[in-house]
Amino acid sequence: MTIPRLPGGRPKQPRPKSYAGFWAGMSAVVLTIGGLTAVVTAIMPDAIFLFLVAFGFAGMVGLHYLTWGWWLSKSLQESDPADADEPAWPEPPAPPEY
């Protein structure tokens, strides 16, 4: 006995996850911020110091995220994969039955 086939041939394979849209949007944001920074700095040359402080602060926040948010959580999961499936908190006790 043969198994009947679905109309339309084989089922479609899921496409791999792509971050192209995210990176296109992020590059547009970075280019826009860079362009506005260049225009403001051309009009007011002393504003470059304000931008240096703001970009330095953003760089420190980004470094903090990469170190403590992304890298540390990844290394903790790799060091003890058995705990990755367990919930962080225990289940609450059941209500009393009357």
PDB file of N, CA and C in Angstrom:
ATOM      1  N   MET A   1       0.842  -1.173   0.000  1.00  0.00           N
ATOM      2  CA  MET A   1       0.000   0.000   0.000  1.00  0.00           C
ATOM      3  C   MET A   1       0.892   1.244   0.000  1.00  0.00           C
ATOM      4  N   THR A   2       0.583   2.163  -0.874  1.00  0.00           N
ATOM      5  CA  THR A   2       1.374   3.391  -0.956  1.00  0.00           C
ATOM      6  C   THR A   2       0.689   4.504  -0.173  1.00  0.00           C
ATOM      7  N   ILE A   3       1.504   5.376   0.332  1.00  0.00           N
ATOM      8  CA  ILE A   3       0.989   6.512   1.096  1.00  0.00           C
ATOM      9  C   ILE A   3       0.586   7.599   0.107  1.00  0.00           C
ATOM     10  N   PRO A   4      -0.611   8.162   0.248  1.00  0.00           N
ATOM     11  CA  PRO A   4      -1.027   9.221  -0.679  1.00  0.00           C
ATOM     12  C   PRO A   4      -0.179  10.476  -0.470  1.00  0.00           C
ATOM     13  N   ARG A   5       0.083  11.158  -1.564  1.00  0.00           N
ATOM     14  CA  ARG A   5       0.879  12.385  -1.510  1.00  0.00           C
ATOM     15  C   ARG A   5      -0.024  13.594  -1.390  1.00  0.00           C
ATOM     16  N   LEU A   6       0.514  14.604  -0.747  1.00  0.00           N
ATOM     17  CA  LEU A   6      -0.214  15.857  -0.634  1.00  0.00           C
ATOM     18  C   LEU A   6      -0.182  16.581  -1.972  1.00  0.00           C
ATOM     19  N   PRO A   7      -1.239  17.302  -2.318  1.00  0.00           N
ATOM     20  CA  PRO A   7      -1.191  18.073  -3.557  1.00  0.00           C
ATOM     21  C   PRO A   7      -0.153  19.189  -3.434  1.00  0.00           C
ATOM     22  N   GLY A   8       0.541  19.434  -4.504  1.00  0.00           N
ATOM     23  CA  GLY A   8       1.536  20.502  -4.507  1.00  0.00           C
ATOM     24  C   GLY A   8       2.943  20.024  -4.248  1.00  0.00           C
ATOM     25  N   GLY A   9       3.159  18.750  -4.177  1.00  0.00           N
ATOM     26  CA  GLY A   9       4.525  18.244  -3.996  1.00  0.00           C
ATOM     27  C   GLY A   9       4.936  18.213  -2.536  1.00  0.00           C
ATOM     28  N   ARG A  10       6.214  18.371  -2.327  1.00  0.00           N
ATOM     29  CA  ARG A  10       6.770  18.284  -0.979  1.00  0.00           C
ATOM     30  C   ARG A  10       6.435  19.533  -0.161  1.00  0.00           C
ATOM     31  N   PRO A  11       6.340  19.357   1.144  1.00  0.00           N
ATOM     32  CA  PRO A  11       6.132  20.551   1.971  1.00  0.00           C
ATOM     33  C   PRO A  11       7.373  21.441   1.935  1.00  0.00           C
ATOM     34  N   LYS A  12       7.154  22.725   2.031  1.00  0.00           N
ATOM     35  CA  LYS A  12       8.256  23.678   1.953  1.00  0.00           C
ATOM     36  C   LYS A  12       9.100  23.606   3.220  1.00  0.00           C
ATOM     37  N   GLN A  13      10.390  23.713   3.032  1.00  0.00           N
ATOM     38  CA  GLN A  13      11.313  23.742   4.163  1.00  0.00           C
ATOM     39  C   GLN A  13      11.284  25.145   4.770  1.00  0.00           C
ATOM     40  N   PRO A  14      11.364  25.246   6.092  1.00  0.00           N
ATOM     41  CA  PRO A  14      11.393  26.588   6.684  1.00  0.00           C
ATOM     42  C   PRO A  14      12.682  27.315   6.304  1.00  0.00           C
ATOM     43  N   ARG A  15      12.537  28.592   6.013  1.00  0.00           N
ATOM     44  CA  ARG A  15      13.704  29.388   5.638  1.00  0.00           C
ATOM     45  C   ARG A  15      14.551  29.677   6.865  1.00  0.00           C
ATOM     46  N   PRO A  16      15.862  29.709   6.691  1.00  0.00           N
ATOM     47  CA  PRO A  16      16.707  30.045   7.840  1.00  0.00           C
ATOM     48  C   PRO A  16      16.462  31.485   8.273  1.00  0.00           C
ATOM     49  N   LYS A  17      16.628  31.725   9.562  1.00  0.00           N
ATOM     50  CA  LYS A  17      16.387  33.052  10.109  1.00  0.00           C
ATOM     51  C   LYS A  17      17.423  34.030   9.556  1.00  0.00           C
ATOM     52  N   SER A  18      16.948  35.156   9.065  1.00  0.00           N
ATOM     53  CA  SER A  18      17.837  36.146   8.478  1.00  0.00           C
ATOM     54  C   SER A  18      17.673  37.468   9.217  1.00  0.00           C
ATOM     55  N   TYR A  19      18.781  38.105   9.491  1.00  0.00           N
ATOM     56  CA  TYR A  19      18.758  39.393  10.175  1.00  0.00           C
ATOM     57  C   TYR A  19      19.083  40.532   9.214  1.00  0.00           C
ATOM     58  N   ALA A  20      18.871  40.325   7.930  1.00  0.00           N
ATOM     59  CA  ALA A  20      19.230  41.342   6.941  1.00  0.00           C
ATOM     60  C   ALA A  20      18.418  42.620   7.139  1.00  0.00           C
ATOM     61  N   GLY A  21      17.133  42.501   7.431  1.00  0.00           N
ATOM     62  CA  GLY A  21      16.304  43.682   7.653  1.00  0.00           C
ATOM     63  C   GLY A  21      16.737  44.467   8.878  1.00  0.00           C
ATOM     64  N   PHE A  22      17.097  43.752   9.929  1.00  0.00           N
ATOM     65  CA  PHE A  22      17.561  44.406  11.149  1.00  0.00           C
ATOM     66  C   PHE A  22      18.833  45.199  10.886  1.00  0.00           C
ATOM     67  N   TRP A  23      19.791  44.564  10.201  1.00  0.00           N
ATOM     68  CA  TRP A  23      21.059  45.247   9.957  1.00  0.00           C
ATOM     69  C   TRP A  23      20.895  46.393   8.965  1.00  0.00           C
ATOM     70  N   ALA A  24      19.982  46.271   8.021  1.00  0.00           N
ATOM     71  CA  ALA A  24      19.728  47.383   7.098  1.00  0.00           C
ATOM     72  C   ALA A  24      19.143  48.571   7.857  1.00  0.00           C
ATOM     73  N   GLY A  25      18.212  48.307   8.750  1.00  0.00           N
ATOM     74  CA  GLY A  25      17.632  49.381   9.558  1.00  0.00           C
ATOM     75  C   GLY A  25      18.645  50.019  10.493  1.00  0.00           C
ATOM     76  N   MET A  26      19.468  49.190  11.124  1.00  0.00           N
ATOM     77  CA  MET A  26      20.479  49.728  12.036  1.00  0.00           C
ATOM     78  C   MET A  26      21.513  50.567  11.290  1.00  0.00           C
ATOM     79  N   SER A  27      21.898  50.123  10.099  1.00  0.00           N
ATOM     80  CA  SER A  27      22.865  50.914   9.333  1.00  0.00           C
ATOM     81  C   SER A  27      22.241  52.235   8.885  1.00  0.00           C
ATOM     82  N   ALA A  28      20.954  52.243   8.564  1.00  0.00           N
ATOM     83  CA  ALA A  28      20.282  53.491   8.202  1.00  0.00           C
ATOM     84  C   ALA A  28      20.245  54.450   9.391  1.00  0.00           C
ATOM     85  N   VAL A  29      19.982  53.925  10.579  1.00  0.00           N
ATOM     86  CA  VAL A  29      19.962  54.767  11.782  1.00  0.00           C
ATOM     87  C   VAL A  29      21.350  55.339  12.056  1.00  0.00           C
ATOM     88  N   VAL A  30      22.373  54.503  11.961  1.00  0.00           N
ATOM     89  CA  VAL A  30      23.742  54.964  12.227  1.00  0.00           C
ATOM     90  C   VAL A  30      24.166  56.014  11.200  1.00  0.00           C
ATOM     91  N   LEU A  31      23.838  55.796   9.926  1.00  0.00           N
ATOM     92  CA  LEU A  31      24.188  56.777   8.896  1.00  0.00           C
ATOM     93  C   LEU A  31      23.436  58.092   9.097  1.00  0.00           C
ATOM     94  N   THR A  32      22.178  58.019   9.512  1.00  0.00           N
ATOM     95  CA  THR A  32      21.404  59.231   9.772  1.00  0.00           C
ATOM     96  C   THR A  32      21.993  60.010  10.942  1.00  0.00           C
ATOM     97  N   ILE A  33      22.328  59.307  12.017  1.00  0.00           N
ATOM     98  CA  ILE A  33      22.930  59.978  13.170  1.00  0.00           C
ATOM     99  C   ILE A  33      24.276  60.589  12.786  1.00  0.00           C
ATOM    100  N   GLY A  34      25.066  59.856  12.015  1.00  0.00           N
ATOM    101  CA  GLY A  34      26.352  60.399  11.568  1.00  0.00           C
ATOM    102  C   GLY A  34      26.189  61.628  10.689  1.00  0.00           C
ATOM    103  N   GLY A  35      25.204  61.605   9.799  1.00  0.00           N
ATOM    104  CA  GLY A  35      24.955  62.765   8.942  1.00  0.00           C
ATOM    105  C   GLY A  35      24.498  63.980   9.727  1.00  0.00           C
ATOM    106  N   LEU A  36      23.585  63.772  10.668  1.00  0.00           N
ATOM    107  CA  LEU A  36      23.133  64.893  11.499  1.00  0.00           C
ATOM    108  C   LEU A  36      24.270  65.431  12.363  1.00  0.00           C
ATOM    109  N   THR A  37      25.109  64.542  12.854  1.00  0.00           N
ATOM    110  CA  THR A  37      26.268  64.978  13.637  1.00  0.00           C
ATOM    111  C   THR A  37      27.202  65.827  12.783  1.00  0.00           C
ATOM    112  N   ALA A  38      27.431  65.415  11.548  1.00  0.00           N
ATOM    113  CA  ALA A  38      28.306  66.178  10.653  1.00  0.00           C
ATOM    114  C   ALA A  38      27.728  67.555  10.345  1.00  0.00           C
ATOM    115  N   VAL A  39      26.414  67.626  10.128  1.00  0.00           N
ATOM    116  CA  VAL A  39      25.785  68.915   9.816  1.00  0.00           C
ATOM    117  C   VAL A  39      25.863  69.851  11.018  1.00  0.00           C
ATOM    118  N   VAL A  40      25.526  69.341  12.199  1.00  0.00           N
ATOM    119  CA  VAL A  40      25.566  70.189  13.396  1.00  0.00           C
ATOM    120  C   VAL A  40      26.993  70.626  13.697  1.00  0.00           C
ATOM    121  N   THR A  41      27.958  69.734  13.516  1.00  0.00           N
ATOM    122  CA  THR A  41      29.355  70.083  13.772  1.00  0.00           C
ATOM    123  C   THR A  41      29.862  71.102  12.751  1.00  0.00           C
ATOM    124  N   ALA A  42      29.377  71.037  11.520  1.00  0.00           N
ATOM    125  CA  ALA A  42      29.775  72.022  10.514  1.00  0.00           C
ATOM    126  C   ALA A  42      29.219  73.404  10.854  1.00  0.00           C
ATOM    127  N   ILE A  43      28.022  73.440  11.439  1.00  0.00           N
ATOM    128  CA  ILE A  43      27.416  74.724  11.798  1.00  0.00           C
ATOM    129  C   ILE A  43      28.025  75.262  13.093  1.00  0.00           C
ATOM    130  N   MET A  44      28.173  74.380  14.091  1.00  0.00           N
ATOM    131  CA  MET A  44      28.722  74.776  15.394  1.00  0.00           C
ATOM    132  C   MET A  44      29.922  73.880  15.713  1.00  0.00           C
ATOM    133  N   PRO A  45      31.129  74.297  15.383  1.00  0.00           N
ATOM    134  CA  PRO A  45      32.299  73.426  15.575  1.00  0.00           C
ATOM    135  C   PRO A  45      32.545  73.020  17.028  1.00  0.00           C
ATOM    136  N   ASP A  46      32.121  73.829  17.986  1.00  0.00           N
ATOM    137  CA  ASP A  46      32.340  73.478  19.392  1.00  0.00           C
ATOM    138  C   ASP A  46      31.442  72.334  19.849  1.00  0.00           C
ATOM    139  N   ALA A  47      30.450  71.972  19.061  1.00  0.00           N
ATOM    140  CA  ALA A  47      29.537  70.892  19.449  1.00  0.00           C
ATOM    141  C   ALA A  47      30.180  69.517  19.329  1.00  0.00           C
ATOM    142  N   ILE A  48      31.355  69.438  18.717  1.00  0.00           N
ATOM    143  CA  ILE A  48      32.015  68.138  18.564  1.00  0.00           C
ATOM    144  C   ILE A  48      32.307  67.519  19.926  1.00  0.00           C
ATOM    145  N   PHE A  49      32.603  68.349  20.928  1.00  0.00           N
ATOM    146  CA  PHE A  49      32.889  67.814  22.258  1.00  0.00           C
ATOM    147  C   PHE A  49      31.642  67.201  22.890  1.00  0.00           C
ATOM    148  N   LEU A  50      30.493  67.805  22.648  1.00  0.00           N
ATOM    149  CA  LEU A  50      29.240  67.237  23.137  1.00  0.00           C
ATOM    150  C   LEU A  50      28.987  65.880  22.489  1.00  0.00           C
ATOM    151  N   PHE A  51      29.251  65.776  21.191  1.00  0.00           N
ATOM    152  CA  PHE A  51      29.060  64.500  20.503  1.00  0.00           C
ATOM    153  C   PHE A  51      30.068  63.455  20.962  1.00  0.00           C
ATOM    154  N   LEU A  52      31.304  63.873  21.226  1.00  0.00           N
ATOM    155  CA  LEU A  52      32.301  62.923  21.725  1.00  0.00           C
ATOM    156  C   LEU A  52      31.893  62.348  23.078  1.00  0.00           C
ATOM    157  N   VAL A  53      31.363  63.193  23.950  1.00  0.00           N
ATOM    158  CA  VAL A  53      30.902  62.711  25.257  1.00  0.00           C
ATOM    159  C   VAL A  53      29.705  61.776  25.083  1.00  0.00           C
ATOM    160  N   ALA A  54      28.757  62.147  24.234  1.00  0.00           N
ATOM    161  CA  ALA A  54      27.565  61.310  24.030  1.00  0.00           C
ATOM    162  C   ALA A  54      27.932  59.970  23.399  1.00  0.00           C
ATOM    163  N   PHE A  55      28.794  59.980  22.387  1.00  0.00           N
ATOM    164  CA  PHE A  55      29.197  58.722  21.748  1.00  0.00           C
ATOM    165  C   PHE A  55      30.064  57.878  22.676  1.00  0.00           C
ATOM    166  N   GLY A  56      30.877  58.524  23.513  1.00  0.00           N
ATOM    167  CA  GLY A  56      31.653  57.778  24.502  1.00  0.00           C
ATOM    168  C   GLY A  56      30.753  57.085  25.509  1.00  0.00           C
ATOM    169  N   PHE A  57      29.714  57.786  25.956  1.00  0.00           N
ATOM    170  CA  PHE A  57      28.758  57.178  26.882  1.00  0.00           C
ATOM    171  C   PHE A  57      28.026  56.015  26.214  1.00  0.00           C
ATOM    172  N   ALA A  58      27.602  56.204  24.967  1.00  0.00           N
ATOM    173  CA  ALA A  58      26.921  55.120  24.247  1.00  0.00           C
ATOM    174  C   ALA A  58      27.860  53.937  24.039  1.00  0.00           C
ATOM    175  N   GLY A  59      29.137  54.205  23.799  1.00  0.00           N
ATOM    176  CA  GLY A  59      30.109  53.123  23.652  1.00  0.00           C
ATOM    177  C   GLY A  59      30.282  52.336  24.939  1.00  0.00           C
ATOM    178  N   MET A  60      30.298  53.034  26.080  1.00  0.00           N
ATOM    179  CA  MET A  60      30.413  52.328  27.362  1.00  0.00           C
ATOM    180  C   MET A  60      29.176  51.483  27.646  1.00  0.00           C
ATOM    181  N   VAL A  61      28.002  51.996  27.306  1.00  0.00           N
ATOM    182  CA  VAL A  61      26.770  51.219  27.486  1.00  0.00           C
ATOM    183  C   VAL A  61      26.795  49.988  26.588  1.00  0.00           C
ATOM    184  N   GLY A  62      27.238  50.149  25.349  1.00  0.00           N
ATOM    185  CA  GLY A  62      27.333  49.009  24.437  1.00  0.00           C
ATOM    186  C   GLY A  62      28.332  47.973  24.913  1.00  0.00           C
ATOM    187  N   LEU A  63      29.475  48.419  25.423  1.00  0.00           N
ATOM    188  CA  LEU A  63      30.470  47.489  25.955  1.00  0.00           C
ATOM    189  C   LEU A  63      29.926  46.753  27.177  1.00  0.00           C
ATOM    190  N   HIS A  64      29.195  47.465  28.016  1.00  0.00           N
ATOM    191  CA  HIS A  64      28.575  46.839  29.187  1.00  0.00           C
ATOM    192  C   HIS A  64      27.579  45.773  28.758  1.00  0.00           C
ATOM    193  N   TYR A  65      26.778  46.066  27.741  1.00  0.00           N
ATOM    194  CA  TYR A  65      25.811  45.081  27.245  1.00  0.00           C
ATOM    195  C   TYR A  65      26.516  43.850  26.691  1.00  0.00           C
ATOM    196  N   LEU A  66      27.556  44.074  25.880  1.00  0.00           N
ATOM    197  CA  LEU A  66      28.266  42.935  25.296  1.00  0.00           C
ATOM    198  C   LEU A  66      28.921  42.079  26.369  1.00  0.00           C
ATOM    199  N   THR A  67      29.511  42.715  27.374  1.00  0.00           N
ATOM    200  CA  THR A  67      30.227  41.966  28.401  1.00  0.00           C
ATOM    201  C   THR A  67      29.280  41.242  29.339  1.00  0.00           C
ATOM    202  N   TRP A  68      28.353  41.962  29.952  1.00  0.00           N
ATOM    203  CA  TRP A  68      27.530  41.382  31.009  1.00  0.00           C
ATOM    204  C   TRP A  68      26.232  40.785  30.487  1.00  0.00           C
ATOM    205  N   GLY A  69      25.714  41.273  29.418  1.00  0.00           N
ATOM    206  CA  GLY A  69      24.447  40.754  28.921  1.00  0.00           C
ATOM    207  C   GLY A  69      24.604  39.587  27.979  1.00  0.00           C
ATOM    208  N   TRP A  70      25.392  39.741  26.966  1.00  0.00           N
ATOM    209  CA  TRP A  70      25.479  38.736  25.902  1.00  0.00           C
ATOM    210  C   TRP A  70      26.549  37.700  26.205  1.00  0.00           C
ATOM    211  N   TRP A  71      27.776  38.146  26.458  1.00  0.00           N
ATOM    212  CA  TRP A  71      28.891  37.221  26.623  1.00  0.00           C
ATOM    213  C   TRP A  71      28.760  36.404  27.898  1.00  0.00           C
ATOM    214  N   LEU A  72      28.400  37.039  29.020  1.00  0.00           N
ATOM    215  CA  LEU A  72      28.335  36.329  30.290  1.00  0.00           C
ATOM    216  C   LEU A  72      27.207  35.307  30.291  1.00  0.00           C
ATOM    217  N   SER A  73      26.035  35.669  29.771  1.00  0.00           N
ATOM    218  CA  SER A  73      24.928  34.704  29.742  1.00  0.00           C
ATOM    219  C   SER A  73      25.260  33.533  28.827  1.00  0.00           C
ATOM    220  N   LYS A  74      25.970  33.803  27.731  1.00  0.00           N
ATOM    221  CA  LYS A  74      26.364  32.726  26.826  1.00  0.00           C
ATOM    222  C   LYS A  74      27.374  31.796  27.495  1.00  0.00           C
ATOM    223  N   SER A  75      28.333  32.359  28.210  1.00  0.00           N
ATOM    224  CA  SER A  75      29.343  31.521  28.861  1.00  0.00           C
ATOM    225  C   SER A  75      28.746  30.738  30.018  1.00  0.00           C
ATOM    226  N   LEU A  76      27.757  31.290  30.710  1.00  0.00           N
ATOM    227  CA  LEU A  76      27.108  30.551  31.797  1.00  0.00           C
ATOM    228  C   LEU A  76      26.315  29.370  31.257  1.00  0.00           C
ATOM    229  N   GLN A  77      25.643  29.536  30.131  1.00  0.00           N
ATOM    230  CA  GLN A  77      24.888  28.430  29.545  1.00  0.00           C
ATOM    231  C   GLN A  77      25.819  27.343  29.037  1.00  0.00           C
ATOM    232  N   GLU A  78      26.973  27.722  28.504  1.00  0.00           N
ATOM    233  CA  GLU A  78      27.922  26.725  28.015  1.00  0.00           C
ATOM    234  C   GLU A  78      28.576  25.970  29.162  1.00  0.00           C
ATOM    235  N   SER A  79      28.790  26.638  30.304  1.00  0.00           N
ATOM    236  CA  SER A  79      29.485  25.984  31.406  1.00  0.00           C
ATOM    237  C   SER A  79      28.608  24.956  32.107  1.00  0.00           C
ATOM    238  N   ASP A  80      27.311  25.185  32.189  1.00  0.00           N
ATOM    239  CA  ASP A  80      26.419  24.247  32.863  1.00  0.00           C
ATOM    240  C   ASP A  80      25.116  24.126  32.077  1.00  0.00           C
ATOM    241  N   PRO A  81      25.101  23.345  30.998  1.00  0.00           N
ATOM    242  CA  PRO A  81      23.891  23.254  30.173  1.00  0.00           C
ATOM    243  C   PRO A  81      22.745  22.533  30.866  1.00  0.00           C
ATOM    244  N   ALA A  82      23.005  21.770  31.939  1.00  0.00           N
ATOM    245  CA  ALA A  82      21.926  21.056  32.624  1.00  0.00           C
ATOM    246  C   ALA A  82      20.980  22.028  33.312  1.00  0.00           C
ATOM    247  N   ASP A  83      21.497  23.149  33.790  1.00  0.00           N
ATOM    248  CA  ASP A  83      20.652  24.120  34.472  1.00  0.00           C
ATOM    249  C   ASP A  83      19.859  24.986  33.509  1.00  0.00           C
ATOM    250  N   ALA A  84      20.166  24.937  32.231  1.00  0.00           N
ATOM    251  CA  ALA A  84      19.478  25.790  31.267  1.00  0.00           C
ATOM    252  C   ALA A  84      18.014  25.397  31.109  1.00  0.00           C
ATOM    253  N   ASP A  85      17.678  24.114  31.321  1.00  0.00           N
ATOM    254  CA  ASP A  85      16.298  23.673  31.160  1.00  0.00           C
ATOM    255  C   ASP A  85      15.464  23.890  32.416  1.00  0.00           C
ATOM    256  N   GLU A  86      16.102  24.040  33.558  1.00  0.00           N
ATOM    257  CA  GLU A  86      15.370  24.214  34.801  1.00  0.00           C
ATOM    258  C   GLU A  86      14.878  25.646  34.917  1.00  0.00           C
ATOM    259  N   PRO A  87      13.687  25.842  35.499  1.00  0.00           N
ATOM    260  CA  PRO A  87      13.205  27.209  35.684  1.00  0.00           C
ATOM    261  C   PRO A  87      14.037  27.931  36.745  1.00  0.00           C
ATOM    262  N   ALA A  88      14.063  29.251  36.658  1.00  0.00           N
ATOM    263  CA  ALA A  88      14.856  30.035  37.594  1.00  0.00           C
ATOM    264  C   ALA A  88      14.249  30.004  38.994  1.00  0.00           C
ATOM    265  N   TRP A  89      12.927  29.915  39.087  1.00  0.00           N
ATOM    266  CA  TRP A  89      12.248  29.912  40.379  1.00  0.00           C
ATOM    267  C   TRP A  89      11.509  28.597  40.547  1.00  0.00           C
ATOM    268  N   PRO A  90      11.392  28.115  41.783  1.00  0.00           N
ATOM    269  CA  PRO A  90      10.620  26.887  41.994  1.00  0.00           C
ATOM    270  C   PRO A  90       9.132  27.149  41.796  1.00  0.00           C
ATOM    271  N   GLU A  91       8.401  26.079  41.591  1.00  0.00           N
ATOM    272  CA  GLU A  91       6.956  26.211  41.423  1.00  0.00           C
ATOM    273  C   GLU A  91       6.330  26.686  42.735  1.00  0.00           C
ATOM    274  N   PRO A  92       5.328  27.561  42.665  1.00  0.00           N
ATOM    275  CA  PRO A  92       4.683  28.002  43.904  1.00  0.00           C
ATOM    276  C   PRO A  92       3.876  26.858  44.506  1.00  0.00           C
ATOM    277  N   PRO A  93       3.663  26.900  45.816  1.00  0.00           N
ATOM    278  CA  PRO A  93       2.889  25.822  46.434  1.00  0.00           C
ATOM    279  C   PRO A  93       1.439  25.852  45.969  1.00  0.00           C
ATOM    280  N   ALA A  94       0.832  24.697  45.952  1.00  0.00           N
ATOM    281  CA  ALA A  94      -0.570  24.599  45.543  1.00  0.00           C
ATOM    282  C   ALA A  94      -1.457  25.183  46.638  1.00  0.00           C
ATOM    283  N   PRO A  95      -2.613  25.717  46.265  1.00  0.00           N
ATOM    284  CA  PRO A  95      -3.513  26.264  47.288  1.00  0.00           C
ATOM    285  C   PRO A  95      -4.070  25.131  48.151  1.00  0.00           C
ATOM    286  N   PRO A  96      -4.396  25.443  49.391  1.00  0.00           N
ATOM    287  CA  PRO A  96      -4.924  24.384  50.270  1.00  0.00           C
ATOM    288  C   PRO A  96      -6.298  23.915  49.798  1.00  0.00           C
ATOM    289  N   GLU A  97      -6.535  22.652  49.995  1.00  0.00           N
ATOM    290  CA  GLU A  97      -7.841  22.093  49.638  1.00  0.00           C
ATOM    291  C   GLU A  97      -8.719  22.067  50.878  1.00  0.00           C
ATOM    292  N   TYR A  98      -9.956  22.421  50.727  1.00  0.00           N
ATOM    293  CA  TYR A  98     -10.902  22.452  51.847  1.00  0.00           C
ATOM    294  C   TYR A  98     -11.833  21.286  51.778  1.00  0.00           C
TER     295      TYR A  98
END
